[in-house]
């Protein structure tokens, strides 16, 4: 099975980033919109094997890698907070 490991990273980091946004809507639709916008601006990391997962996890530990993900999530949160698509 092919998996974009970046989706897992974004899911994990988004939970922590949203803690800093008390007034931000955190409904499922808004969170999915944030993830989609961020993922469209981040390089995908496709993994298939266990070795691929290990490589991706090591890469995730790099400070710049995490900073890039956080930067894209913050930009996405700004976009969604100004124009939420939920009812």
N, C-alpha and C. Protein backbone atom coordinates (compact mmCIF):
# COMPACT_ATOMS: atom_id res chain seq x y z
N UNK A 1 0.83 -1.18 0.00
CA UNK A 1 0.00 0.00 0.00
C UNK A 1 0.88 1.25 0.00
N UNK A 2 0.57 2.16 -0.87
CA UNK A 2 1.30 3.41 -0.97
C UNK A 2 0.61 4.45 -0.10
N UNK A 3 1.40 5.15 0.71
CA UNK A 3 0.85 6.13 1.63
C UNK A 3 1.68 7.41 1.56
N UNK A 4 0.99 8.55 1.53
CA UNK A 4 1.69 9.83 1.63
C UNK A 4 1.95 10.09 3.11
N UNK A 5 3.18 9.86 3.52
CA UNK A 5 3.53 10.00 4.93
C UNK A 5 3.31 11.43 5.42
N UNK A 6 3.34 12.39 4.51
CA UNK A 6 3.13 13.78 4.89
C UNK A 6 1.74 13.97 5.51
N UNK A 7 0.76 13.17 5.11
CA UNK A 7 -0.58 13.25 5.71
C UNK A 7 -0.54 12.94 7.20
N UNK A 8 0.24 11.94 7.57
CA UNK A 8 0.37 11.56 8.98
C UNK A 8 1.05 12.68 9.75
N UNK A 9 2.10 13.24 9.18
CA UNK A 9 2.84 14.32 9.82
C UNK A 9 1.93 15.53 10.04
N UNK A 10 1.18 15.89 9.00
CA UNK A 10 0.28 17.05 9.10
C UNK A 10 -0.78 16.79 10.16
N UNK A 11 -1.35 15.60 10.19
CA UNK A 11 -2.34 15.26 11.22
C UNK A 11 -1.77 15.45 12.62
N UNK A 12 -0.58 14.94 12.84
CA UNK A 12 0.04 15.01 14.17
C UNK A 12 0.39 16.42 14.57
N UNK A 13 0.96 17.19 13.67
CA UNK A 13 1.39 18.54 14.01
C UNK A 13 0.19 19.48 14.11
N UNK A 14 -0.84 19.27 13.29
CA UNK A 14 -2.02 20.14 13.32
C UNK A 14 -2.66 20.17 14.70
N UNK A 15 -2.73 19.03 15.35
CA UNK A 15 -3.33 18.97 16.70
C UNK A 15 -2.64 19.96 17.64
N UNK A 16 -1.32 20.00 17.59
CA UNK A 16 -0.56 20.89 18.47
C UNK A 16 -0.67 22.35 18.04
N UNK A 17 -0.65 22.61 16.75
CA UNK A 17 -0.72 23.99 16.27
C UNK A 17 -2.08 24.60 16.61
N UNK A 18 -3.15 23.82 16.50
CA UNK A 18 -4.49 24.34 16.78
C UNK A 18 -4.67 24.74 18.24
N UNK A 19 -3.83 24.23 19.14
CA UNK A 19 -3.91 24.62 20.55
C UNK A 19 -3.65 26.12 20.73
N UNK A 20 -2.93 26.72 19.80
CA UNK A 20 -2.62 28.15 19.87
C UNK A 20 -3.71 29.03 19.28
N UNK A 21 -4.77 28.42 18.77
CA UNK A 21 -5.84 29.18 18.11
C UNK A 21 -7.17 28.92 18.81
N UNK A 22 -7.40 29.62 19.91
CA UNK A 22 -8.61 29.41 20.71
C UNK A 22 -9.88 29.74 19.95
N UNK A 23 -9.87 30.79 19.15
CA UNK A 23 -11.09 31.22 18.48
C UNK A 23 -11.32 30.53 17.14
N UNK A 24 -10.37 29.74 16.69
CA UNK A 24 -10.48 29.04 15.41
C UNK A 24 -11.48 27.90 15.53
N UNK A 25 -12.37 27.79 14.55
CA UNK A 25 -13.29 26.66 14.50
C UNK A 25 -12.48 25.38 14.26
N UNK A 26 -12.76 24.37 15.04
CA UNK A 26 -12.03 23.11 14.93
C UNK A 26 -12.94 21.96 14.51
N UNK A 27 -14.03 22.32 13.80
CA UNK A 27 -14.93 21.27 13.32
C UNK A 27 -14.20 20.43 12.27
N UNK A 28 -14.74 19.26 11.97
CA UNK A 28 -14.10 18.34 11.04
C UNK A 28 -13.88 18.98 9.67
N UNK A 29 -14.86 19.73 9.17
CA UNK A 29 -14.75 20.36 7.85
C UNK A 29 -13.61 21.37 7.82
N UNK A 30 -13.53 22.22 8.84
CA UNK A 30 -12.45 23.21 8.88
C UNK A 30 -11.08 22.54 8.98
N UNK A 31 -10.98 21.52 9.81
CA UNK A 31 -9.70 20.80 9.95
C UNK A 31 -9.30 20.12 8.64
N UNK A 32 -10.25 19.54 7.95
CA UNK A 32 -9.96 18.90 6.66
C UNK A 32 -9.53 19.94 5.63
N UNK A 33 -10.17 21.11 5.62
CA UNK A 33 -9.77 22.18 4.71
C UNK A 33 -8.34 22.64 5.01
N UNK A 34 -8.02 22.80 6.28
CA UNK A 34 -6.66 23.20 6.68
C UNK A 34 -5.65 22.18 6.19
N UNK A 35 -5.94 20.90 6.43
CA UNK A 35 -5.01 19.85 6.00
C UNK A 35 -4.83 19.84 4.50
N UNK A 36 -5.93 19.98 3.75
CA UNK A 36 -5.85 19.94 2.29
C UNK A 36 -5.00 21.10 1.76
N UNK A 37 -5.22 22.29 2.29
CA UNK A 37 -4.44 23.45 1.83
C UNK A 37 -2.97 23.25 2.15
N UNK A 38 -2.67 22.83 3.36
CA UNK A 38 -1.26 22.62 3.75
C UNK A 38 -0.62 21.53 2.90
N UNK A 39 -1.31 20.41 2.71
CA UNK A 39 -0.75 19.30 1.94
C UNK A 39 -0.50 19.68 0.49
N UNK A 40 -1.32 20.55 -0.05
CA UNK A 40 -1.11 21.01 -1.43
C UNK A 40 0.14 21.86 -1.57
N UNK A 41 0.64 22.38 -0.45
CA UNK A 41 1.83 23.21 -0.49
C UNK A 41 3.07 22.54 0.10
N UNK A 42 2.94 21.28 0.46
CA UNK A 42 4.07 20.52 1.00
C UNK A 42 4.44 19.39 0.05
N UNK A 43 5.71 19.07 0.02
CA UNK A 43 6.19 17.98 -0.83
C UNK A 43 5.71 16.64 -0.26
N UNK A 44 5.05 15.83 -1.08
CA UNK A 44 4.60 14.52 -0.57
C UNK A 44 5.79 13.60 -0.31
N UNK A 45 5.62 12.73 0.66
CA UNK A 45 6.63 11.71 0.97
C UNK A 45 5.91 10.37 0.91
N UNK A 46 6.01 9.71 -0.22
CA UNK A 46 5.33 8.43 -0.40
C UNK A 46 6.19 7.30 0.13
N UNK A 47 5.57 6.43 0.91
CA UNK A 47 6.28 5.27 1.46
C UNK A 47 5.49 4.01 1.16
N UNK A 48 6.22 2.92 1.00
CA UNK A 48 5.60 1.62 0.75
C UNK A 48 6.07 0.60 1.76
N UNK A 49 7.35 0.58 2.02
CA UNK A 49 7.92 -0.44 2.88
C UNK A 49 8.13 0.09 4.29
N UNK A 50 8.40 -0.81 5.20
CA UNK A 50 8.74 -0.43 6.56
C UNK A 50 9.99 0.45 6.56
N UNK A 51 10.95 0.12 5.69
CA UNK A 51 12.17 0.93 5.60
C UNK A 51 11.82 2.34 5.17
N UNK A 52 10.87 2.49 4.27
CA UNK A 52 10.41 3.81 3.84
C UNK A 52 9.81 4.58 4.99
N UNK A 53 9.05 3.90 5.85
CA UNK A 53 8.48 4.55 7.03
C UNK A 53 9.56 5.03 7.97
N UNK A 54 10.60 4.22 8.15
CA UNK A 54 11.70 4.61 9.04
C UNK A 54 12.40 5.84 8.48
N UNK A 55 12.65 5.86 7.18
CA UNK A 55 13.30 7.02 6.56
C UNK A 55 12.45 8.27 6.76
N UNK A 56 11.16 8.14 6.55
CA UNK A 56 10.26 9.28 6.68
C UNK A 56 10.24 9.79 8.12
N UNK A 57 10.26 8.89 9.10
CA UNK A 57 10.24 9.30 10.51
C UNK A 57 11.53 10.01 10.88
N UNK A 58 12.65 9.57 10.36
CA UNK A 58 13.92 10.24 10.62
C UNK A 58 13.88 11.63 10.01
N UNK A 59 13.36 11.72 8.81
CA UNK A 59 13.25 13.02 8.13
C UNK A 59 12.35 13.96 8.93
N UNK A 60 11.31 13.42 9.54
CA UNK A 60 10.37 14.23 10.32
C UNK A 60 11.04 14.89 11.52
N UNK A 61 12.10 14.31 12.01
CA UNK A 61 12.78 14.84 13.18
C UNK A 61 13.61 16.08 12.87
N UNK A 62 13.87 16.32 11.61
CA UNK A 62 14.67 17.48 11.25
C UNK A 62 13.90 18.75 11.56
N UNK A 63 14.56 19.70 12.18
CA UNK A 63 13.93 20.94 12.61
C UNK A 63 13.32 21.69 11.43
N UNK A 64 14.04 21.79 10.33
CA UNK A 64 13.53 22.53 9.18
C UNK A 64 12.28 21.87 8.62
N UNK A 65 12.26 20.55 8.61
CA UNK A 65 11.10 19.81 8.12
C UNK A 65 9.86 20.18 8.93
N UNK A 66 9.96 20.14 10.24
CA UNK A 66 8.83 20.50 11.10
C UNK A 66 8.45 21.96 10.94
N UNK A 67 9.44 22.82 10.80
CA UNK A 67 9.16 24.25 10.63
C UNK A 67 8.39 24.50 9.34
N UNK A 68 8.74 23.78 8.27
CA UNK A 68 8.04 23.93 6.99
C UNK A 68 6.58 23.49 7.12
N UNK A 69 6.34 22.39 7.82
CA UNK A 69 4.98 21.90 8.01
C UNK A 69 4.18 22.90 8.84
N UNK A 70 4.76 23.40 9.92
CA UNK A 70 4.07 24.36 10.78
C UNK A 70 3.76 25.64 9.99
N UNK A 71 4.70 26.10 9.20
CA UNK A 71 4.50 27.32 8.40
C UNK A 71 3.30 27.15 7.46
N UNK A 72 3.21 26.02 6.79
CA UNK A 72 2.10 25.79 5.87
C UNK A 72 0.78 25.62 6.61
N UNK A 73 0.81 25.01 7.78
CA UNK A 73 -0.41 24.88 8.58
C UNK A 73 -0.91 26.24 9.05
N UNK A 74 -0.01 27.10 9.48
CA UNK A 74 -0.40 28.43 9.94
C UNK A 74 -1.01 29.23 8.79
N UNK A 75 -0.41 29.14 7.61
CA UNK A 75 -0.98 29.82 6.44
C UNK A 75 -2.37 29.26 6.13
N UNK A 76 -2.52 27.95 6.20
CA UNK A 76 -3.82 27.32 5.91
C UNK A 76 -4.86 27.71 6.95
N UNK A 77 -4.47 27.76 8.20
CA UNK A 77 -5.39 28.18 9.27
C UNK A 77 -5.88 29.61 9.01
N UNK A 78 -4.99 30.48 8.59
CA UNK A 78 -5.36 31.85 8.29
C UNK A 78 -6.40 31.90 7.17
N UNK A 79 -6.18 31.13 6.13
CA UNK A 79 -7.12 31.09 5.00
C UNK A 79 -8.48 30.58 5.42
N UNK A 80 -8.49 29.46 6.13
CA UNK A 80 -9.76 28.83 6.53
C UNK A 80 -10.50 29.69 7.55
N UNK A 81 -9.78 30.30 8.47
CA UNK A 81 -10.44 31.11 9.49
C UNK A 81 -11.13 32.33 8.88
N UNK A 82 -10.61 32.84 7.78
CA UNK A 82 -11.21 33.99 7.11
C UNK A 82 -12.39 33.60 6.22
N UNK A 83 -12.44 32.33 5.82
CA UNK A 83 -13.49 31.89 4.90
C UNK A 83 -13.86 30.43 5.16
N UNK A 84 -14.44 30.13 6.31
CA UNK A 84 -14.82 28.73 6.60
C UNK A 84 -15.93 28.25 5.67
N UNK A 85 -15.89 26.99 5.31
CA UNK A 85 -16.88 26.41 4.38
C UNK A 85 -17.95 25.59 5.07
N UNK A 86 -17.98 25.61 6.38
CA UNK A 86 -19.01 24.84 7.08
C UNK A 86 -20.27 25.71 7.24
N UNK A 87 -21.38 25.06 7.57
CA UNK A 87 -22.63 25.82 7.69
C UNK A 87 -22.82 26.38 9.09
